[in-house]
C-alpha atoms as a PDB file:
ATOM      1  CA  MET A   1     168.884 206.528 -46.091  1.00  0.00           C
ATOM      2  CA  ALA A   2     171.783 203.863 -47.789  1.00  0.00           C
ATOM      3  CA  TYR A   3     171.249 202.515 -50.880  1.00  0.00           C
ATOM      4  CA  SER A   4     170.699 198.601 -51.027  1.00  0.00           C
ATOM      5  CA  ILE A   5     171.140 196.122 -53.476  1.00  0.00           C
ATOM      6  CA  ARG A   6     168.918 193.578 -51.592  1.00  0.00           C
ATOM      7  CA  ARG A   7     165.828 193.160 -52.748  1.00  0.00           C
ATOM      8  CA  SER A   8     162.769 193.875 -50.720  1.00  0.00           C
ATOM      9  CA  GLU A   9     161.368 190.673 -49.228  1.00  0.00           C
ATOM     10  CA  ALA A  10     158.426 189.057 -51.185  1.00  0.00           C
ATOM     11  CA  SER A  11     155.198 189.323 -49.439  1.00  0.00           C
ATOM     12  CA  LYS A  12     154.123 185.646 -48.752  1.00  0.00           C
ATOM     13  CA  THR A  13     151.365 184.564 -50.794  1.00  0.00           C
ATOM     14  CA  LYS A  14     150.387 181.122 -51.826  1.00  0.00           C
ATOM     15  CA  GLU A  15     151.828 181.669 -55.216  1.00  0.00           C
ATOM     16  CA  THR A  16     155.465 182.667 -53.305  1.00  0.00           C
ATOM     17  CA  ARG A  17     155.212 179.639 -50.948  1.00  0.00           C
ATOM     18  CA  ALA A  18     154.514 176.931 -53.934  1.00  0.00           C
ATOM     19  CA  ALA A  19     157.310 178.493 -55.562  1.00  0.00           C
ATOM     20  CA  GLU A  20     159.909 178.156 -52.828  1.00  0.00           C
ATOM     21  CA  GLN A  21     158.692 174.897 -52.137  1.00  0.00           C
ATOM     22  CA  LEU A  22     159.254 173.687 -55.463  1.00  0.00           C
ATOM     23  CA  GLY A  23     162.390 175.290 -55.711  1.00  0.00           C
ATOM     24  CA  ARG A  24     163.624 173.517 -52.385  1.00  0.00           C
ATOM     25  CA  LEU A  25     162.368 170.321 -54.607  1.00  0.00           C
ATOM     26  CA  LEU A  26     164.631 171.019 -57.520  1.00  0.00           C
ATOM     27  CA  THR A  27     167.657 171.672 -55.284  1.00  0.00           C
ATOM     28  CA  GLN A  28     167.314 169.083 -52.450  1.00  0.00           C
ATOM     29  CA  ASP A  29     168.954 165.853 -55.020  1.00  0.00           C
ATOM     30  CA  PHE A  30     170.323 167.043 -57.759  1.00  0.00           C
ATOM     31  CA  ALA A  31     170.476 163.254 -58.446  1.00  0.00           C
ATOM     32  CA  VAL A  32     166.498 162.734 -59.233  1.00  0.00           C
ATOM     33  CA  ASP A  33     166.493 162.658 -63.310  1.00  0.00           C
ATOM     34  CA  LEU A  34     163.975 165.470 -63.887  1.00  0.00           C
ATOM     35  CA  GLU A  35     163.335 163.754 -67.553  1.00  0.00           C
ATOM     36  CA  ARG A  36     162.171 160.441 -65.294  1.00  0.00           C
ATOM     37  CA  VAL A  37     160.197 162.441 -63.290  1.00  0.00           C
ATOM     38  CA  GLY A  38     158.713 164.171 -66.586  1.00  0.00           C
ATOM     39  CA  PHE A  39     157.962 161.015 -67.812  1.00  0.00           C
ATOM     40  CA  TYR A  40     155.905 160.153 -64.588  1.00  0.00           C
ATOM     41  CA  LEU A  41     154.253 163.253 -64.965  1.00  0.00           C
ATOM     42  CA  VAL A  42     152.914 163.042 -68.123  1.00  0.00           C
ATOM     43  CA  ARG A  43     152.616 159.231 -68.321  1.00  0.00           C
ATOM     44  CA  ASN A  44     151.013 158.542 -64.231  1.00  0.00           C
ATOM     45  CA  LEU A  45     149.447 161.785 -63.222  1.00  0.00           C
ATOM     46  CA  PRO A  46     146.467 163.803 -64.865  1.00  0.00           C
ATOM     47  CA  LEU A  47     146.983 165.488 -67.591  1.00  0.00           C
ATOM     48  CA  ILE A  48     145.978 168.881 -65.454  1.00  0.00           C
ATOM     49  CA  ASN A  49     149.504 168.089 -63.602  1.00  0.00           C
ATOM     50  CA  TYR A  50     151.343 168.327 -67.418  1.00  0.00           C
ATOM     51  CA  HIS A  51     149.326 171.534 -68.230  1.00  0.00           C
ATOM     52  CA  ARG A  52     149.779 173.650 -64.758  1.00  0.00           C
ATOM     53  CA  PHE A  53     153.544 172.316 -65.167  1.00  0.00           C
ATOM     54  CA  GLU A  54     153.607 174.336 -68.996  1.00  0.00           C
ATOM     55  CA  VAL A  55     151.954 177.473 -68.219  1.00  0.00           C
ATOM     56  CA  MET A  56     154.449 177.973 -64.967  1.00  0.00           C
ATOM     57  CA  SER A  57     157.338 177.278 -67.400  1.00  0.00           C
ATOM     58  CA  LEU A  58     156.860 179.272 -70.284  1.00  0.00           C
ATOM     59  CA  SER A  59     155.531 182.138 -68.090  1.00  0.00           C
ATOM     60  CA  ALA A  60     159.247 181.635 -65.728  1.00  0.00           C
ATOM     61  CA  MET A  61     161.505 181.696 -69.082  1.00  0.00           C
ATOM     62  CA  GLU A  62     159.341 185.483 -69.773  1.00  0.00           C
ATOM     63  CA  GLU A  63     160.028 186.724 -66.561  1.00  0.00           C
ATOM     64  CA  TYR A  64     163.997 185.119 -67.306  1.00  0.00           C
ATOM     65  CA  ASP A  65     164.203 187.214 -70.750  1.00  0.00           C
ATOM     66  CA  LYS A  66     162.963 190.263 -68.705  1.00  0.00           C
ATOM     67  CA  LEU A  67     165.447 189.970 -66.402  1.00  0.00           C
ATOM     68  CA  MET A  68     168.470 189.786 -68.590  1.00  0.00           C
ATOM     69  CA  VAL A  69     167.288 192.261 -70.531  1.00  0.00           C
ATOM     70  CA  GLU A  70     167.171 194.449 -67.019  1.00  0.00           C
ATOM     71  CA  MET A  71     170.625 193.351 -66.574  1.00  0.00           C
ATOM     72  CA  LYS A  72     172.602 193.107 -69.955  1.00  0.00           C
ATOM     73  CA  GLY A  73     170.460 195.694 -71.626  1.00  0.00           C
ATOM     74  CA  PRO A  74     168.193 194.803 -75.121  1.00  0.00           C
ATOM     75  CA  HIS A  75     171.005 193.455 -77.193  1.00  0.00           C
ATOM     76  CA  ASN A  76     172.716 190.664 -75.029  1.00  0.00           C
ATOM     77  CA  GLY A  77     172.051 188.227 -76.800  1.00  0.00           C
ATOM     78  CA  ASN A  78     170.162 185.884 -74.165  1.00  0.00           C
ATOM     79  CA  THR A  79     166.883 185.982 -74.653  1.00  0.00           C
ATOM     80  CA  ARG A  80     165.072 183.683 -76.787  1.00  0.00           C
ATOM     81  CA  ARG A  81     163.804 183.954 -80.751  1.00  0.00           C
END
């Protein structure tokens, strides 16, 4: 069996579908002002939306740091302190 660097297909869970939808939403129009979206998120939607977005953001930052350590080693200088 040949070695492949491609990652296996992620199983389609609610979480992976939500992540894919969010990724498409964030990349479909780069002219959208994300700061204004954040303003609207906090000012006009229920506060639970902000808290859930914050949890997702923190999780993404932690996973990014882990990925950088896996790719470049622990002393790459890209981890947040």
